[in-house]
């Protein structure tokens, strides 16, 4: 069994991911990839120890660093704009509220997955004893991610282009890029 790697690091050139919707959808691709990697890991007891450890570490890195950025994009950047743009009781607003609530359940399951992957990255030989737990956690995460990502992709994301202005979308893109590459620590010359 072989693991396929993709880079979990965003492109250095921010213009490659120029708009907020593209960035959000790109995160969904990576979520699905790392979920598949988790399912594969659960059944990889005959893989070399080094690959098991490396894969567990990659999953842990993605879900501990990149997923929180994506959730912040949705909770702090997208949600307030949608909340201001659509009336209470509107399907899009209700979907956005559900999106934020689902993040809490996702985070609880991700914490379990991180604990398992952190253990495996240090002790890959423990995979046979942890495989069932990894399988159970990834199954539960798959179920919630399936509903969560579909809600966003079928209701929320299409609405973004309808209810938000191009200026708001550009602000979102800027906030999302800043979240990934903060400029606060740069030195600025003042005259």
Protein backbone atom coordinates (compact mmCIF):
# COMPACT_ATOMS: atom_id res chain seq x y z
CA UNK A 1 0.00 0.00 0.00
CA UNK A 2 1.33 3.42 -0.93
CA UNK A 3 0.26 6.85 0.26
CA UNK A 4 -0.10 9.69 -2.21
CA UNK A 5 1.12 13.06 -1.01
CA UNK A 6 -0.11 16.51 -1.86
CA UNK A 7 1.25 19.71 -0.45
CA UNK A 8 -0.78 21.11 2.40
CA UNK A 9 0.92 24.46 2.04
CA UNK A 10 -0.89 27.23 0.14
CA UNK A 11 0.74 28.63 -2.96
CA UNK A 12 3.25 31.39 -2.25
CA UNK A 13 1.78 33.57 -4.99
CA UNK A 14 -1.52 34.85 -3.60
CA UNK A 15 -2.70 35.73 -7.11
CA UNK A 16 -2.93 31.98 -7.85
CA UNK A 17 -5.86 31.82 -5.43
CA UNK A 18 -7.31 35.20 -6.25
CA UNK A 19 -10.83 34.99 -4.99
CA UNK A 20 -12.52 33.95 -1.79
CA UNK A 21 -14.76 31.33 -3.33
CA UNK A 22 -11.86 29.63 -5.08
CA UNK A 23 -9.91 29.60 -1.81
CA UNK A 24 -12.84 28.11 0.11
CA UNK A 25 -13.38 25.42 -2.50
CA UNK A 26 -9.67 24.65 -2.55
CA UNK A 27 -9.87 23.97 1.18
CA UNK A 28 -12.72 21.54 0.53
CA UNK A 29 -10.54 19.62 -1.91
CA UNK A 30 -7.82 19.36 0.74
CA UNK A 31 -10.30 18.33 3.45
CA UNK A 32 -11.53 15.50 1.23
CA UNK A 33 -7.95 14.48 0.44
CA UNK A 34 -6.88 14.30 4.07
CA UNK A 35 -10.06 12.46 5.03
CA UNK A 36 -9.23 9.87 2.35
CA UNK A 37 -5.71 9.69 3.71
CA UNK A 38 -7.15 9.02 7.18
CA UNK A 39 -9.33 6.20 5.84
CA UNK A 40 -6.31 4.74 4.06
CA UNK A 41 -4.21 5.00 7.21
CA UNK A 42 -6.78 3.00 9.18
CA UNK A 43 -6.17 0.05 6.84
CA UNK A 44 -2.41 0.40 6.36
CA UNK A 45 -1.13 -1.94 9.05
CA UNK A 46 1.25 -3.59 6.56
CA UNK A 47 2.74 -0.32 5.31
CA UNK A 48 6.31 0.52 6.36
CA UNK A 49 6.52 2.20 9.78
CA UNK A 50 8.08 5.30 8.28
CA UNK A 51 5.16 5.78 5.90
CA UNK A 52 2.64 5.26 8.68
CA UNK A 53 4.37 7.85 10.87
CA UNK A 54 4.77 10.31 8.01
CA UNK A 55 1.14 9.95 6.94
CA UNK A 56 -0.14 10.35 10.50
CA UNK A 57 2.02 13.46 10.87
CA UNK A 58 0.71 14.93 7.60
CA UNK A 59 -2.91 14.34 8.66
CA UNK A 60 -2.20 15.87 12.05
CA UNK A 61 -0.48 18.87 10.50
CA UNK A 62 -3.35 19.54 8.11
CA UNK A 63 -6.14 19.21 10.66
CA UNK A 64 -4.30 21.15 13.38
CA UNK A 65 -3.06 24.03 11.21
CA UNK A 66 -4.97 24.37 7.95
CA UNK A 67 -8.48 23.35 9.04
CA UNK A 68 -8.63 26.02 11.78
CA UNK A 69 -7.72 28.64 9.16
CA UNK A 70 -10.56 27.42 6.94
CA UNK A 71 -13.00 27.51 9.84
CA UNK A 72 -11.88 31.05 10.66
CA UNK A 73 -12.46 31.98 7.02
CA UNK A 74 -16.02 30.78 7.32
CA UNK A 75 -16.77 31.89 10.90
CA UNK A 76 -15.00 35.25 10.96
CA UNK A 77 -14.87 36.33 7.33
CA UNK A 78 -17.83 34.77 5.53
CA UNK A 79 -20.49 34.37 8.22
CA UNK A 80 -20.67 38.02 9.40
CA UNK A 81 -21.03 39.24 5.81
CA UNK A 82 -23.79 36.75 5.04
CA UNK A 83 -25.51 37.56 8.31
CA UNK A 84 -25.55 41.25 7.38
CA UNK A 85 -26.58 40.63 3.77
CA UNK A 86 -29.56 38.29 4.19
CA UNK A 87 -32.64 38.54 6.39
CA UNK A 88 -33.26 36.38 9.41
CA UNK A 89 -35.18 33.25 8.43
CA UNK A 90 -33.65 33.26 4.94
CA UNK A 91 -32.42 29.82 3.80
CA UNK A 92 -28.90 31.13 3.20
CA UNK A 93 -28.69 32.69 6.65
CA UNK A 94 -29.99 29.51 8.30
CA UNK A 95 -27.47 27.47 6.32
CA UNK A 96 -24.67 29.82 7.42
CA UNK A 97 -25.74 29.48 11.06
CA UNK A 98 -25.76 25.69 10.65
CA UNK A 99 -22.28 25.88 9.09
CA UNK A 100 -20.89 27.63 12.16
CA UNK A 101 -22.61 25.18 14.53
CA UNK A 102 -21.29 22.17 12.60
CA UNK A 103 -17.73 23.42 13.11
CA UNK A 104 -18.06 22.67 16.83
CA UNK A 105 -18.95 19.01 16.22
CA UNK A 106 -16.23 18.74 13.59
CA UNK A 107 -13.65 20.15 16.00
CA UNK A 108 -14.53 17.54 18.65
CA UNK A 109 -14.01 14.69 16.19
CA UNK A 110 -10.86 16.28 14.77
CA UNK A 111 -9.43 16.44 18.31
CA UNK A 112 -9.89 12.66 18.53
CA UNK A 113 -8.25 12.15 15.14
CA UNK A 114 -5.33 14.41 16.10
CA UNK A 115 -4.73 12.45 19.28
CA UNK A 116 -4.65 9.18 17.33
CA UNK A 117 -2.40 10.57 14.60
CA UNK A 118 -0.04 12.15 17.11
CA UNK A 119 0.30 8.76 18.80
CA UNK A 120 0.94 7.04 15.47
CA UNK A 121 3.51 9.56 14.34
CA UNK A 122 5.52 8.65 17.46
CA UNK A 123 4.63 4.94 17.55
CA UNK A 124 3.65 3.69 14.09
CA UNK A 125 3.83 0.11 15.33
CA UNK A 126 0.65 0.84 17.34
CA UNK A 127 -1.46 1.04 14.17
CA UNK A 128 -3.01 -2.44 14.55
CA UNK A 129 -4.33 -1.51 18.00
CA UNK A 130 -5.50 1.97 16.89
CA UNK A 131 -6.86 1.10 13.45
CA UNK A 132 -10.45 0.52 14.60
CA UNK A 133 -10.55 3.85 16.48
CA UNK A 134 -9.13 5.68 13.46
CA UNK A 135 -11.73 4.00 11.27
CA UNK A 136 -14.54 4.99 13.67
CA UNK A 137 -13.40 8.62 13.91
CA UNK A 138 -12.88 8.99 10.16
CA UNK A 139 -16.29 7.42 9.54
CA UNK A 140 -17.95 9.92 11.89
CA UNK A 141 -15.97 12.80 10.36
CA UNK A 142 -16.89 11.63 6.86
CA UNK A 143 -20.57 11.76 7.74
CA UNK A 144 -20.45 15.26 9.17
CA UNK A 145 -18.07 16.59 6.51
CA UNK A 146 -20.28 15.15 3.79
CA UNK A 147 -23.30 17.09 5.07
CA UNK A 148 -21.22 20.16 5.94
CA UNK A 149 -19.40 20.50 2.63
CA UNK A 150 -22.56 19.80 0.61
CA UNK A 151 -24.44 22.50 2.53
CA UNK A 152 -21.71 24.99 1.79
CA UNK A 153 -21.25 23.98 -1.85
CA UNK A 154 -24.95 23.83 -2.74
CA UNK A 155 -26.45 26.64 -0.66
CA UNK A 156 -23.89 28.98 0.87
CA UNK A 157 -21.18 29.29 -1.77
CA UNK A 158 -23.57 29.89 -4.70
CA UNK A 159 -25.26 32.60 -2.62
CA UNK A 160 -21.97 34.38 -1.99
CA UNK A 161 -21.85 35.54 -5.60
CA UNK A 162 -25.47 36.69 -5.46
CA UNK A 163 -25.64 38.54 -2.14
CA UNK A 164 -22.14 39.93 -1.64
CA UNK A 165 -20.60 42.75 -3.62
CA UNK A 166 -17.34 42.43 -5.52
CA UNK A 167 -15.79 44.73 -2.90
CA UNK A 168 -16.91 42.40 -0.11
CA UNK A 169 -15.51 39.42 -1.98
CA UNK A 170 -12.18 41.18 -2.42
CA UNK A 171 -12.13 42.08 1.29
CA UNK A 172 -12.79 38.42 2.08
CA UNK A 173 -9.92 37.34 -0.16
CA UNK A 174 -7.61 39.83 1.52
CA UNK A 175 -8.60 38.68 5.01
CA UNK A 176 -8.14 35.04 4.09
CA UNK A 177 -4.70 35.65 2.59
CA UNK A 178 -3.70 37.75 5.60
CA UNK A 179 -4.78 34.93 7.91
CA UNK A 180 -2.36 32.60 6.11
CA UNK A 181 0.47 35.07 5.59
CA UNK A 182 0.26 37.74 8.31
CA UNK A 183 2.07 40.97 7.55
CA UNK A 184 1.98 42.25 11.14
CA UNK A 185 5.57 41.25 11.83
CA UNK A 186 7.06 43.07 8.86
CA UNK A 187 9.12 46.18 9.38
CA UNK A 188 7.71 49.31 7.78
CA UNK A 189 9.70 52.48 7.19
CA UNK A 190 8.04 55.64 8.47
CA UNK A 191 9.04 59.10 7.30
